[in-house]
C-alpha atoms as a PDB file:
ATOM      1  CA  PRO A   1     -10.458 -14.178  15.757  1.00  0.00           C
ATOM      2  CA  ILE A   2     -11.314 -11.163  17.912  1.00  0.00           C
ATOM      3  CA  LYS A   3      -8.681  -9.376  19.941  1.00  0.00           C
ATOM      4  CA  SER A   4      -9.931  -7.401  22.913  1.00  0.00           C
ATOM      5  CA  GLY A   5      -8.804  -5.928  26.201  1.00  0.00           C
ATOM      6  CA  PRO A   6      -8.199  -2.567  27.821  1.00  0.00           C
ATOM      7  CA  GLY A   7      -7.376   0.002  25.165  1.00  0.00           C
ATOM      8  CA  ILE A   8      -7.383  -2.599  22.402  1.00  0.00           C
ATOM      9  CA  HIS A   9      -9.831  -2.364  19.540  1.00  0.00           C
ATOM     10  CA  MET A  10     -11.672  -5.442  18.377  1.00  0.00           C
ATOM     11  CA  VAL A  11     -10.250  -6.283  14.956  1.00  0.00           C
ATOM     12  CA  TYR A  12     -11.220  -9.481  13.201  1.00  0.00           C
ATOM     13  CA  HIS A  13      -8.238 -11.579  12.146  1.00  0.00           C
ATOM     14  CA  SER A  14      -8.381 -14.507   9.759  1.00  0.00           C
ATOM     15  CA  SER A  15      -9.129 -17.901  11.253  1.00  0.00           C
ATOM     16  CA  LEU A  16      -6.895 -19.322   8.506  1.00  0.00           C
ATOM     17  CA  ASN A  17      -3.665 -17.859   9.945  1.00  0.00           C
ATOM     18  CA  ASP A  18      -2.734 -21.172  11.566  1.00  0.00           C
ATOM     19  CA  ARG A  19      -2.743 -23.150   8.314  1.00  0.00           C
ATOM     20  CA  THR A  20       0.658 -24.637   7.572  1.00  0.00           C
ATOM     21  CA  ASP A  21      -0.300 -26.539   4.411  1.00  0.00           C
ATOM     22  CA  CYS A  22      -0.281 -23.484   2.123  1.00  0.00           C
ATOM     23  CA  GLN A  23       2.391 -22.177  -0.197  1.00  0.00           C
ATOM     24  CA  ILE A  24       3.574 -18.669   0.753  1.00  0.00           C
ATOM     25  CA  VAL A  25       3.918 -16.049  -1.978  1.00  0.00           C
ATOM     26  CA  CYS A  26       5.052 -12.490  -1.138  1.00  0.00           C
ATOM     27  CA  GLY A  27       4.169 -13.115   2.509  1.00  0.00           C
ATOM     28  CA  CYS A  28       0.628 -14.275   1.663  1.00  0.00           C
ATOM     29  CA  ALA A  29      -0.744 -17.741   2.184  1.00  0.00           C
ATOM     30  CA  MET A  30      -2.075 -19.179  -1.083  1.00  0.00           C
ATOM     31  CA  LEU A  31      -5.288 -20.265   0.556  1.00  0.00           C
ATOM     32  CA  PRO A  32      -7.818 -22.597  -1.041  1.00  0.00           C
ATOM     33  CA  ILE A  33     -10.871 -20.755  -2.382  1.00  0.00           C
ATOM     34  CA  LYS A  34     -14.280 -21.814  -3.681  1.00  0.00           C
ATOM     35  CA  THR A  35     -14.123 -20.704  -7.295  1.00  0.00           C
ATOM     36  CA  THR A  36     -14.524 -21.572 -10.938  1.00  0.00           C
ATOM     37  CA  THR A  37     -12.014 -18.857 -11.873  1.00  0.00           C
ATOM     38  CA  ARG A  38      -8.784 -20.263 -13.262  1.00  0.00           C
ATOM     39  CA  GLY A  39      -5.674 -19.568 -11.252  1.00  0.00           C
ATOM     40  CA  PRO A  40      -3.053 -21.001  -8.907  1.00  0.00           C
ATOM     41  CA  ALA A  41      -5.194 -21.146  -5.728  1.00  0.00           C
ATOM     42  CA  PRO A  42      -6.182 -24.632  -4.611  1.00  0.00           C
ATOM     43  CA  LEU A  43      -9.922 -25.385  -4.545  1.00  0.00           C
ATOM     44  CA  ALA A  44     -11.669 -25.258  -1.168  1.00  0.00           C
ATOM     45  CA  PRO A  45     -14.561 -27.545  -0.245  1.00  0.00           C
ATOM     46  CA  GLU A  46     -17.953 -25.851  -0.790  1.00  0.00           C
ATOM     47  CA  ALA A  47     -18.987 -26.570   2.823  1.00  0.00           C
ATOM     48  CA  GLU A  48     -16.069 -24.622   4.339  1.00  0.00           C
ATOM     49  CA  ASP A  49     -15.650 -20.853   4.614  1.00  0.00           C
ATOM     50  CA  ASP A  50     -12.711 -19.575   2.608  1.00  0.00           C
ATOM     51  CA  ILE A  51     -10.781 -16.294   2.868  1.00  0.00           C
ATOM     52  CA  ILE A  52     -13.277 -14.504   0.614  1.00  0.00           C
ATOM     53  CA  ASP A  53     -16.141 -15.530   2.916  1.00  0.00           C
ATOM     54  CA  GLU A  54     -14.137 -14.207   5.880  1.00  0.00           C
ATOM     55  CA  VAL A  55     -13.433 -10.873   4.197  1.00  0.00           C
ATOM     56  CA  LEU A  56     -17.107 -10.392   3.309  1.00  0.00           C
ATOM     57  CA  THR A  57     -18.199 -11.400   6.825  1.00  0.00           C
ATOM     58  CA  TYR A  58     -15.727  -9.114   8.629  1.00  0.00           C
ATOM     59  CA  PHE A  59     -15.608  -6.282   6.080  1.00  0.00           C
ATOM     60  CA  LYS A  60     -18.086  -3.889   7.690  1.00  0.00           C
ATOM     61  CA  ALA A  61     -16.364  -4.160  11.075  1.00  0.00           C
ATOM     62  CA  ASN A  62     -12.745  -4.204   9.896  1.00  0.00           C
ATOM     63  CA  VAL A  63     -13.063  -1.338   7.410  1.00  0.00           C
ATOM     64  CA  LEU A  64     -13.675   1.032  10.332  1.00  0.00           C
ATOM     65  CA  PHE A  65     -10.190   0.484  11.767  1.00  0.00           C
ATOM     66  CA  LYS A  66      -7.095   2.564  11.104  1.00  0.00           C
ATOM     67  CA  HIS A  67      -4.648  -0.026  12.476  1.00  0.00           C
ATOM     68  CA  PHE A  68      -4.356  -3.738  11.855  1.00  0.00           C
ATOM     69  CA  GLU A  69      -1.670  -5.933  13.347  1.00  0.00           C
ATOM     70  CA  VAL A  70      -0.766  -8.824  11.041  1.00  0.00           C
ATOM     71  CA  LYS A  71      -0.963 -12.109  12.954  1.00  0.00           C
ATOM     72  CA  GLY A  72      -0.160 -14.420  10.056  1.00  0.00           C
ATOM     73  CA  THR A  73       0.053 -14.926   6.317  1.00  0.00           C
ATOM     74  CA  ALA A  74      -3.745 -15.176   5.923  1.00  0.00           C
ATOM     75  CA  ASP A  75      -4.136 -11.731   7.533  1.00  0.00           C
ATOM     76  CA  ARG A  76      -2.172 -10.230   4.630  1.00  0.00           C
ATOM     77  CA  VAL A  77      -4.706 -11.689   2.200  1.00  0.00           C
ATOM     78  CA  LEU A  78      -7.517 -10.382   4.416  1.00  0.00           C
ATOM     79  CA  ILE A  79      -6.000  -6.861   4.401  1.00  0.00           C
ATOM     80  CA  TYR A  80      -5.498  -6.870   0.627  1.00  0.00           C
ATOM     81  CA  LEU A  81      -9.021  -8.093  -0.087  1.00  0.00           C
ATOM     82  CA  THR A  82     -10.590  -5.669   2.398  1.00  0.00           C
ATOM     83  CA  LEU A  83      -8.973  -2.794   0.512  1.00  0.00           C
ATOM     84  CA  TYR A  84     -10.038  -4.353  -2.776  1.00  0.00           C
ATOM     85  CA  VAL A  85     -13.677  -4.563  -1.609  1.00  0.00           C
ATOM     86  CA  THR A  86     -13.596  -0.834  -0.870  1.00  0.00           C
ATOM     87  CA  GLN A  87     -12.288  -0.223  -4.394  1.00  0.00           C
ATOM     88  CA  CYS A  88     -15.062  -2.464  -5.774  1.00  0.00           C
ATOM     89  CA  LEU A  89     -17.757  -0.617  -3.837  1.00  0.00           C
ATOM     90  CA  LYS A  90     -16.589   2.681  -5.354  1.00  0.00           C
ATOM     91  CA  LYS A  91     -16.882   1.112  -8.800  1.00  0.00           C
ATOM     92  CA  LEU A  92     -20.384  -0.207  -8.027  1.00  0.00           C
ATOM     93  CA  GLU A  93     -21.757   3.230  -7.092  1.00  0.00           C
ATOM     94  CA  GLY A  94     -22.584   4.031 -10.717  1.00  0.00           C
ATOM     95  CA  GLN A  95     -23.704   0.578 -11.820  1.00  0.00           C
ATOM     96  CA  PRO A  96     -27.484   0.300 -12.453  1.00  0.00           C
ATOM     97  CA  SER A  97     -27.771  -3.499 -12.463  1.00  0.00           C
ATOM     98  CA  PRO A  98     -26.002  -6.619 -11.190  1.00  0.00           C
ATOM     99  CA  THR A  99     -25.135  -7.577 -14.787  1.00  0.00           C
ATOM    100  CA  GLU A 100     -23.423  -4.246 -15.484  1.00  0.00           C
ATOM    101  CA  ALA A 101     -21.771  -4.395 -12.067  1.00  0.00           C
ATOM    102  CA  LEU A 102     -20.327  -7.836 -12.755  1.00  0.00           C
ATOM    103  CA  LYS A 103     -18.899  -6.635 -16.071  1.00  0.00           C
ATOM    104  CA  ALA A 104     -17.314  -3.617 -14.367  1.00  0.00           C
ATOM    105  CA  LEU A 105     -15.790  -5.652 -11.525  1.00  0.00           C
ATOM    106  CA  THR A 106     -14.511  -8.377 -13.861  1.00  0.00           C
ATOM    107  CA  ALA A 107     -12.837  -5.712 -16.010  1.00  0.00           C
ATOM    108  CA  MET A 108     -11.353  -4.105 -12.888  1.00  0.00           C
ATOM    109  CA  ALA A 109      -9.979  -7.472 -11.714  1.00  0.00           C
ATOM    110  CA  HIS A 110      -8.091  -7.796 -15.013  1.00  0.00           C
ATOM    111  CA  GLU A 111      -6.644  -4.259 -15.004  1.00  0.00           C
ATOM    112  CA  ALA A 112      -2.945  -3.860 -14.261  1.00  0.00           C
ATOM    113  CA  PHE A 113      -2.300  -3.550 -10.516  1.00  0.00           C
ATOM    114  CA  GLN A 114       0.682  -3.052  -8.218  1.00  0.00           C
ATOM    115  CA  LEU A 115       2.340  -6.018  -6.523  1.00  0.00           C
ATOM    116  CA  PRO A 116       4.295  -6.221  -3.278  1.00  0.00           C
ATOM    117  CA  GLY A 117       7.751  -4.873  -4.009  1.00  0.00           C
ATOM    118  CA  ASP A 118       6.491  -2.372  -6.628  1.00  0.00           C
ATOM    119  CA  ALA A 119       7.163   1.288  -5.874  1.00  0.00           C
ATOM    120  CA  GLY A 120       3.463   2.226  -5.939  1.00  0.00           C
ATOM    121  CA  PHE A 121       2.200  -0.658  -3.790  1.00  0.00           C
ATOM    122  CA  SER A 122       0.437   0.995  -0.839  1.00  0.00           C
ATOM    123  CA  LEU A 123       0.849  -1.973   1.524  1.00  0.00           C
ATOM    124  CA  GLY A 124       4.611  -2.232   1.172  1.00  0.00           C
ATOM    125  CA  SER A 125       5.203  -2.209   4.930  1.00  0.00           C
ATOM    126  CA  PHE A 126       2.932  -5.262   5.348  1.00  0.00           C
ATOM    127  CA  PHE A 127       4.130  -7.408   2.434  1.00  0.00           C
ATOM    128  CA  PRO A 128       7.628  -8.561   1.527  1.00  0.00           C
ATOM    129  CA  GLY A 129       8.487  -8.229  -2.158  1.00  0.00           C
ATOM    130  CA  PRO A 130       8.958 -11.252  -4.411  1.00  0.00           C
ATOM    131  CA  GLN A 131      12.306 -13.074  -4.331  1.00  0.00           C
ATOM    132  CA  ASN A 132      12.316 -13.505  -8.116  1.00  0.00           C
ATOM    133  CA  ALA A 133      10.252 -13.040 -11.279  1.00  0.00           C
ATOM    134  CA  GLN A 134       8.611 -16.450 -10.872  1.00  0.00           C
ATOM    135  CA  GLU A 135       7.270 -15.512  -7.418  1.00  0.00           C
ATOM    136  CA  ALA A 136       6.068 -12.143  -8.784  1.00  0.00           C
ATOM    137  CA  ASP A 137       4.168 -13.920 -11.585  1.00  0.00           C
ATOM    138  CA  LEU A 138       2.618 -16.381  -9.126  1.00  0.00           C
ATOM    139  CA  CYS A 139       1.609 -13.523  -6.802  1.00  0.00           C
ATOM    140  CA  ARG A 140       0.017 -11.604  -9.685  1.00  0.00           C
ATOM    141  CA  ALA A 141      -1.927 -14.697 -10.824  1.00  0.00           C
ATOM    142  CA  TYR A 142      -3.113 -15.445  -7.273  1.00  0.00           C
ATOM    143  CA  LEU A 143      -4.210 -11.862  -6.546  1.00  0.00           C
ATOM    144  CA  LYS A 144      -5.939 -11.652  -9.937  1.00  0.00           C
ATOM    145  CA  GLN A 145      -7.850 -14.857  -9.183  1.00  0.00           C
ATOM    146  CA  LEU A 146      -8.836 -13.519  -5.736  1.00  0.00           C
ATOM    147  CA  ARG A 147      -9.924 -10.187  -7.232  1.00  0.00           C
ATOM    148  CA  GLU A 148     -12.121 -11.836  -9.851  1.00  0.00           C
ATOM    149  CA  GLU A 149     -13.786 -14.219  -7.387  1.00  0.00           C
ATOM    150  CA  MET A 150     -14.277 -11.413  -4.847  1.00  0.00           C
ATOM    151  CA  GLY A 151     -16.077  -9.360  -7.503  1.00  0.00           C
ATOM    152  CA  ARG A 152     -18.424 -12.256  -8.278  1.00  0.00           C
ATOM    153  CA  ARG A 153     -19.332 -12.838  -4.653  1.00  0.00           C
ATOM    154  CA  LEU A 154     -19.572  -9.163  -3.742  1.00  0.00           C
ATOM    155  CA  ILE A 155     -22.307  -8.669  -6.361  1.00  0.00           C
ATOM    156  CA  THR A 156     -24.501 -11.194  -4.515  1.00  0.00           C
ATOM    157  CA  LYS A 157     -24.058  -9.225  -1.278  1.00  0.00           C
ATOM    158  CA  VAL A 158     -24.478  -5.704  -2.651  1.00  0.00           C
ATOM    159  CA  TYR A 159     -27.436  -6.226  -5.008  1.00  0.00           C
ATOM    160  CA  ASN A 160     -30.821  -7.165  -3.560  1.00  0.00           C
ATOM    161  CA  ASP A 161     -33.126  -9.724  -5.192  1.00  0.00           C
ATOM    162  CA  ASP A 162     -34.888  -6.885  -7.020  1.00  0.00           C
ATOM    163  CA  GLY A 163     -31.600  -5.807  -8.657  1.00  0.00           C
ATOM    164  CA  GLU A 164     -31.218  -2.655  -6.555  1.00  0.00           C
ATOM    165  CA  PRO A 165     -27.904  -1.944  -4.817  1.00  0.00           C
ATOM    166  CA  SER A 166     -27.955  -2.025  -1.021  1.00  0.00           C
ATOM    167  CA  LYS A 167     -27.171   1.313   0.576  1.00  0.00           C
ATOM    168  CA  PHE A 168     -25.969  -0.659   3.600  1.00  0.00           C
ATOM    169  CA  TRP A 169     -23.032  -1.867   1.506  1.00  0.00           C
ATOM    170  CA  LEU A 170     -22.404   1.133  -0.725  1.00  0.00           C
ATOM    171  CA  VAL A 171     -22.098   3.469   2.268  1.00  0.00           C
ATOM    172  CA  PHE A 172     -18.753   1.753   2.993  1.00  0.00           C
ATOM    173  CA  SER A 173     -17.280   2.879  -0.334  1.00  0.00           C
ATOM    174  CA  LYS A 174     -16.224   6.088   1.386  1.00  0.00           C
ATOM    175  CA  ARG A 175     -14.358   4.350   4.237  1.00  0.00           C
ATOM    176  CA  ARG A 176     -10.582   3.994   4.108  1.00  0.00           C
ATOM    177  CA  PHE A 177      -9.356   0.857   5.839  1.00  0.00           C
ATOM    178  CA  MET A 178      -6.061   1.705   7.587  1.00  0.00           C
ATOM    179  CA  ASN A 179      -6.137   5.039   5.701  1.00  0.00           C
ATOM    180  CA  LYS A 180      -4.959   3.219   2.575  1.00  0.00           C
ATOM    181  CA  THR A 181      -6.170   2.490  -0.943  1.00  0.00           C
ATOM    182  CA  LEU A 182      -4.918  -0.025  -3.481  1.00  0.00           C
END
């Protein structure tokens, strides 16, 4: 998933870009995820890495880049979730415990948010808008499910066993992936 060469930065792309068995919604692959959160995403086997695992694995490297070339429909999900993790980290800065943090991130996942095609959607050049209201609803449900599951898993990365937040994660709350925010 690494692209390198003279003058080319090493950006991590999704290994799931080659999947052809996924429904496409607003240019994003509806990838299977490991979750108990209700939503339209198919369930992934526990033994396999899903897109959320990839985002968390590549986050610290990818967030440093200002440019990201989309190689496939899974890369769009990776871009969206990378920006969402940054938003989550900002929210976690004031949270004293993992329990409070989970409440804050779950509430944030359920807040109203912009979709591809909306005037305020910051990634408009990367995502095509929905073809109809049904696709918009499906996209909203999928992104909401991803946001909620990402919040759950991020808590386990950011908070140490003693309940203290890791400065090695929170330091990235100030980074702007591709100079964008959600």
